[in-house]
Amino acid sequence: MGEIKDKQMSNPNNVNESNFNETMKGYLKRAFEIAKMTEEEQKKIMNGIRWALSELTMEEARREYYKD
């Protein structure tokens, strides 16, 4: 397992502003493995995620999640 950037994290299940993006990307990488996605599919999704992280606030992202 790689080094956790937030060394002050006392509970490994806590997510905060300083580690949210890395945590989410880790979940995605594991999901890619489970779904047996191709490298090209993974790259497309990660590029979309990078765009969304730079352009959307957390609140906007939550609204996107709950859209019908």
C-alpha atoms as a PDB file:
ATOM      1  CA  MET A   1       0.000   0.000   0.000  1.00  0.00           C
ATOM      2  CA  GLY A   2       1.315   3.452  -0.922  1.00  0.00           C
ATOM      3  CA  GLU A   3       2.181   6.171   1.554  1.00  0.00           C
ATOM      4  CA  ILE A   4      -0.817   8.175   2.713  1.00  0.00           C
ATOM      5  CA  LYS A   5      -0.228  11.861   2.015  1.00  0.00           C
ATOM      6  CA  ASP A   6      -2.216  13.081   5.026  1.00  0.00           C
ATOM      7  CA  LYS A   7      -0.018  11.881   7.888  1.00  0.00           C
ATOM      8  CA  GLN A   8      -2.328  13.400  10.486  1.00  0.00           C
ATOM      9  CA  MET A   9      -5.213  11.111   9.513  1.00  0.00           C
ATOM     10  CA  SER A  10      -6.007   9.160  12.689  1.00  0.00           C
ATOM     11  CA  ASN A  11      -8.878   7.095  11.265  1.00  0.00           C
ATOM     12  CA  PRO A  12      -8.241   5.501   7.848  1.00  0.00           C
ATOM     13  CA  ASN A  13     -11.955   5.858   6.995  1.00  0.00           C
ATOM     14  CA  ASN A  14     -11.941   9.642   7.392  1.00  0.00           C
ATOM     15  CA  VAL A  15     -12.021  11.718   4.248  1.00  0.00           C
ATOM     16  CA  ASN A  16     -11.300  15.433   4.331  1.00  0.00           C
ATOM     17  CA  GLU A  17     -10.463  18.185   1.881  1.00  0.00           C
ATOM     18  CA  SER A  18      -6.765  17.330   1.858  1.00  0.00           C
ATOM     19  CA  ASN A  19      -7.264  13.704   0.807  1.00  0.00           C
ATOM     20  CA  PHE A  20     -10.689  13.550  -0.854  1.00  0.00           C
ATOM     21  CA  ASN A  21      -9.469  13.496  -4.471  1.00  0.00           C
ATOM     22  CA  GLU A  22      -6.859  10.806  -3.846  1.00  0.00           C
ATOM     23  CA  THR A  23      -9.376   8.710  -1.898  1.00  0.00           C
ATOM     24  CA  MET A  24     -11.950   8.913  -4.682  1.00  0.00           C
ATOM     25  CA  LYS A  25      -9.362   8.053  -7.340  1.00  0.00           C
ATOM     26  CA  GLY A  26      -8.321   5.032  -5.283  1.00  0.00           C
ATOM     27  CA  TYR A  27     -11.930   3.822  -5.185  1.00  0.00           C
ATOM     28  CA  LEU A  28     -12.140   4.303  -8.945  1.00  0.00           C
ATOM     29  CA  LYS A  29      -8.922   2.365  -9.599  1.00  0.00           C
ATOM     30  CA  ARG A  30     -10.232  -0.557  -7.540  1.00  0.00           C
ATOM     31  CA  ALA A  31     -13.563  -0.425  -9.385  1.00  0.00           C
ATOM     32  CA  PHE A  32     -11.700  -0.480 -12.725  1.00  0.00           C
ATOM     33  CA  GLU A  33      -9.893  -3.649 -11.659  1.00  0.00           C
ATOM     34  CA  ILE A  34     -13.094  -5.339 -10.493  1.00  0.00           C
ATOM     35  CA  ALA A  35     -14.902  -4.373 -13.709  1.00  0.00           C
ATOM     36  CA  LYS A  36     -11.910  -5.511 -15.794  1.00  0.00           C
ATOM     37  CA  MET A  37     -11.942  -2.233 -17.712  1.00  0.00           C
ATOM     38  CA  THR A  38      -9.415  -1.683 -20.463  1.00  0.00           C
ATOM     39  CA  GLU A  39      -6.619   0.840 -20.003  1.00  0.00           C
ATOM     40  CA  GLU A  40      -8.266   3.051 -22.628  1.00  0.00           C
ATOM     41  CA  GLU A  41     -11.604   3.011 -20.766  1.00  0.00           C
ATOM     42  CA  GLN A  42      -9.813   3.848 -17.513  1.00  0.00           C
ATOM     43  CA  LYS A  43      -7.970   6.771 -19.132  1.00  0.00           C
ATOM     44  CA  LYS A  44     -11.219   8.231 -20.500  1.00  0.00           C
ATOM     45  CA  ILE A  45     -12.865   8.100 -17.089  1.00  0.00           C
ATOM     46  CA  MET A  46      -9.845   9.488 -15.256  1.00  0.00           C
ATOM     47  CA  ASN A  47      -9.616  12.375 -17.765  1.00  0.00           C
ATOM     48  CA  GLY A  48     -13.290  13.133 -17.120  1.00  0.00           C
ATOM     49  CA  ILE A  49     -12.714  12.982 -13.373  1.00  0.00           C
ATOM     50  CA  ARG A  50      -9.730  15.348 -13.608  1.00  0.00           C
ATOM     51  CA  TRP A  51     -11.880  17.803 -15.571  1.00  0.00           C
ATOM     52  CA  ALA A  52     -14.762  17.530 -13.108  1.00  0.00           C
ATOM     53  CA  LEU A  53     -12.488  18.010 -10.092  1.00  0.00           C
ATOM     54  CA  SER A  54     -11.070  21.192 -11.583  1.00  0.00           C
ATOM     55  CA  GLU A  55     -14.380  22.634 -12.782  1.00  0.00           C
ATOM     56  CA  LEU A  56     -17.051  21.595 -10.249  1.00  0.00           C
ATOM     57  CA  THR A  57     -17.429  22.478  -6.615  1.00  0.00           C
ATOM     58  CA  MET A  58     -18.243  19.630  -4.215  1.00  0.00           C
ATOM     59  CA  GLU A  59     -21.811  20.930  -3.979  1.00  0.00           C
ATOM     60  CA  GLU A  60     -22.184  20.963  -7.790  1.00  0.00           C
ATOM     61  CA  ALA A  61     -20.858  17.410  -7.909  1.00  0.00           C
ATOM     62  CA  ARG A  62     -23.404  16.280  -5.289  1.00  0.00           C
ATOM     63  CA  ARG A  63     -26.189  17.878  -7.319  1.00  0.00           C
ATOM     64  CA  GLU A  64     -24.971  15.997 -10.417  1.00  0.00           C
ATOM     65  CA  TYR A  65     -25.049  12.725  -8.460  1.00  0.00           C
ATOM     66  CA  TYR A  66     -28.651  13.260  -7.334  1.00  0.00           C
ATOM     67  CA  LYS A  67     -29.988  14.394 -10.744  1.00  0.00           C
ATOM     68  CA  ASP A  68     -32.694  12.190 -12.225  1.00  0.00           C
END
